Amino acid sequence: MSTRRRRGAPLPASAAGLLRFFEEEAKGVKVRPELILILAGLMIALTMIMNKFFP
């Protein structure tokens, strides 16, 4: 019964009343933000190299 109460509990609200926490309920692949930044930097570098050597 305690789990039923927890699920039915209202979500915390911000000043606008729109703040929600989905971290525990989110499904799918979890990727660290650092990995995304590194991959984006590598993609930018690769694009610049390809443009220089293969115009």
N, C-alpha and C. Protein backbone atom coordinates (compact mmCIF):
# COMPACT_ATOMS: atom_id res chain seq x y z
N MET A 1 0.82 -1.19 0.00
CA MET A 1 0.00 0.00 0.00
C MET A 1 0.86 1.25 0.00
N SER A 2 2.05 1.18 0.59
CA SER A 2 2.92 2.35 0.61
C SER A 2 3.40 2.71 -0.79
N THR A 3 3.59 1.70 -1.66
CA THR A 3 4.00 2.00 -3.03
C THR A 3 2.88 2.67 -3.79
N ARG A 4 1.66 2.31 -3.46
CA ARG A 4 0.52 2.94 -4.13
C ARG A 4 0.46 4.42 -3.76
N ARG A 5 0.71 4.74 -2.51
CA ARG A 5 0.71 6.14 -2.08
C ARG A 5 1.84 6.91 -2.74
N ARG A 6 3.01 6.28 -2.83
CA ARG A 6 4.17 6.96 -3.42
C ARG A 6 3.90 7.29 -4.89
N ARG A 7 3.31 6.38 -5.62
CA ARG A 7 3.04 6.63 -7.05
C ARG A 7 1.98 7.70 -7.24
N GLY A 8 1.05 7.78 -6.32
CA GLY A 8 -0.01 8.76 -6.43
C GLY A 8 0.35 10.11 -5.87
N ALA A 9 1.53 10.22 -5.29
CA ALA A 9 1.95 11.49 -4.69
C ALA A 9 2.16 12.55 -5.76
N PRO A 10 1.81 13.78 -5.46
CA PRO A 10 2.02 14.85 -6.44
C PRO A 10 3.50 15.11 -6.65
N LEU A 11 3.83 15.55 -7.85
CA LEU A 11 5.21 15.88 -8.18
C LEU A 11 5.58 17.23 -7.58
N PRO A 12 6.86 17.43 -7.26
CA PRO A 12 7.28 18.75 -6.75
C PRO A 12 7.06 19.84 -7.80
N ALA A 13 6.73 21.00 -7.35
CA ALA A 13 6.43 22.09 -8.27
C ALA A 13 7.45 23.21 -8.14
N SER A 14 7.76 23.84 -9.26
CA SER A 14 8.62 25.02 -9.25
C SER A 14 7.72 26.24 -9.15
N ALA A 15 8.31 27.41 -9.37
CA ALA A 15 7.53 28.64 -9.31
C ALA A 15 6.40 28.62 -10.34
N ALA A 16 6.66 28.02 -11.51
CA ALA A 16 5.64 27.96 -12.54
C ALA A 16 4.76 26.72 -12.40
N GLY A 17 5.12 25.81 -11.49
CA GLY A 17 4.33 24.61 -11.30
C GLY A 17 4.58 23.56 -12.36
N LEU A 18 5.72 23.63 -13.06
CA LEU A 18 5.98 22.72 -14.18
C LEU A 18 7.16 21.79 -13.95
N LEU A 19 7.81 21.86 -12.81
CA LEU A 19 9.01 21.07 -12.57
C LEU A 19 8.65 19.61 -12.32
N ARG A 20 9.27 18.70 -13.09
CA ARG A 20 9.02 17.28 -12.93
C ARG A 20 10.35 16.55 -12.96
N PHE A 21 10.42 15.42 -12.28
CA PHE A 21 11.62 14.60 -12.26
C PHE A 21 11.34 13.28 -12.95
N PHE A 22 12.04 13.02 -14.07
CA PHE A 22 11.83 11.81 -14.84
C PHE A 22 13.04 10.88 -14.79
N GLU A 23 14.04 11.17 -14.00
CA GLU A 23 15.28 10.40 -14.00
C GLU A 23 15.04 8.93 -13.70
N GLU A 24 14.23 8.62 -12.73
CA GLU A 24 14.02 7.23 -12.35
C GLU A 24 13.07 6.52 -13.29
N GLU A 25 12.18 7.23 -13.93
CA GLU A 25 11.18 6.60 -14.78
C GLU A 25 11.58 6.55 -16.24
N ALA A 26 12.63 7.26 -16.61
CA ALA A 26 13.02 7.31 -18.02
C ALA A 26 13.54 5.95 -18.46
N LYS A 27 13.07 5.51 -19.62
CA LYS A 27 13.51 4.23 -20.16
C LYS A 27 14.33 4.49 -21.41
N GLY A 28 15.21 3.59 -21.73
CA GLY A 28 16.03 3.74 -22.92
C GLY A 28 17.50 3.74 -22.58
N VAL A 29 18.30 4.11 -23.56
CA VAL A 29 19.74 4.09 -23.41
C VAL A 29 20.18 5.28 -22.57
N LYS A 30 21.05 5.03 -21.62
CA LYS A 30 21.60 6.10 -20.78
C LYS A 30 23.01 6.40 -21.26
N VAL A 31 23.27 7.65 -21.64
CA VAL A 31 24.56 8.07 -22.15
C VAL A 31 25.04 9.26 -21.32
N ARG A 32 26.29 9.20 -20.90
CA ARG A 32 26.85 10.30 -20.10
C ARG A 32 27.03 11.54 -20.99
N PRO A 33 26.78 12.74 -20.45
CA PRO A 33 26.93 13.97 -21.23
C PRO A 33 28.36 14.18 -21.73
N GLU A 34 29.35 13.73 -20.95
CA GLU A 34 30.75 13.88 -21.37
C GLU A 34 31.01 13.14 -22.67
N LEU A 35 30.42 11.96 -22.80
CA LEU A 35 30.60 11.16 -24.02
C LEU A 35 30.00 11.88 -25.22
N ILE A 36 28.87 12.50 -25.06
CA ILE A 36 28.24 13.24 -26.15
C ILE A 36 29.11 14.41 -26.57
N LEU A 37 29.68 15.14 -25.61
CA LEU A 37 30.55 16.27 -25.95
C LEU A 37 31.81 15.81 -26.67
N ILE A 38 32.39 14.70 -26.23
CA ILE A 38 33.59 14.17 -26.89
C ILE A 38 33.26 13.73 -28.31
N LEU A 39 32.17 13.02 -28.49
CA LEU A 39 31.78 12.58 -29.83
C LEU A 39 31.48 13.76 -30.76
N ALA A 40 30.85 14.80 -30.22
CA ALA A 40 30.57 15.99 -31.03
C ALA A 40 31.87 16.67 -31.45
N GLY A 41 32.83 16.78 -30.52
CA GLY A 41 34.13 17.38 -30.85
C GLY A 41 34.87 16.57 -31.90
N LEU A 42 34.83 15.25 -31.79
CA LEU A 42 35.48 14.40 -32.79
C LEU A 42 34.81 14.54 -34.15
N MET A 43 33.49 14.65 -34.16
CA MET A 43 32.78 14.81 -35.43
C MET A 43 33.12 16.15 -36.08
N ILE A 44 33.25 17.20 -35.29
CA ILE A 44 33.63 18.51 -35.82
C ILE A 44 35.05 18.45 -36.39
N ALA A 45 35.97 17.84 -35.64
CA ALA A 45 37.36 17.72 -36.10
C ALA A 45 37.43 16.89 -37.38
N LEU A 46 36.71 15.78 -37.43
CA LEU A 46 36.70 14.94 -38.63
C LEU A 46 36.15 15.69 -39.83
N THR A 47 35.11 16.47 -39.62
CA THR A 47 34.53 17.26 -40.71
C THR A 47 35.52 18.29 -41.23
N MET A 48 36.25 18.95 -40.31
CA MET A 48 37.23 19.95 -40.73
C MET A 48 38.38 19.30 -41.50
N ILE A 49 38.83 18.15 -41.05
CA ILE A 49 39.90 17.43 -41.75
C ILE A 49 39.45 16.97 -43.11
N MET A 50 38.25 16.44 -43.20
CA MET A 50 37.72 15.98 -44.50
C MET A 50 37.57 17.16 -45.47
N ASN A 51 37.14 18.31 -44.99
CA ASN A 51 37.00 19.48 -45.86
C ASN A 51 38.36 19.99 -46.34
N LYS A 52 39.39 19.84 -45.52
CA LYS A 52 40.71 20.32 -45.90
C LYS A 52 41.35 19.41 -46.96
N PHE A 53 41.24 18.12 -46.77
CA PHE A 53 41.92 17.18 -47.67
C PHE A 53 41.07 16.70 -48.83
N PHE A 54 39.77 16.83 -48.75
CA PHE A 54 38.87 16.41 -49.83
C PHE A 54 37.87 17.52 -50.13
N PRO A 55 38.32 18.59 -50.79
CA PRO A 55 37.42 19.73 -51.04
C PRO A 55 36.33 19.44 -52.04
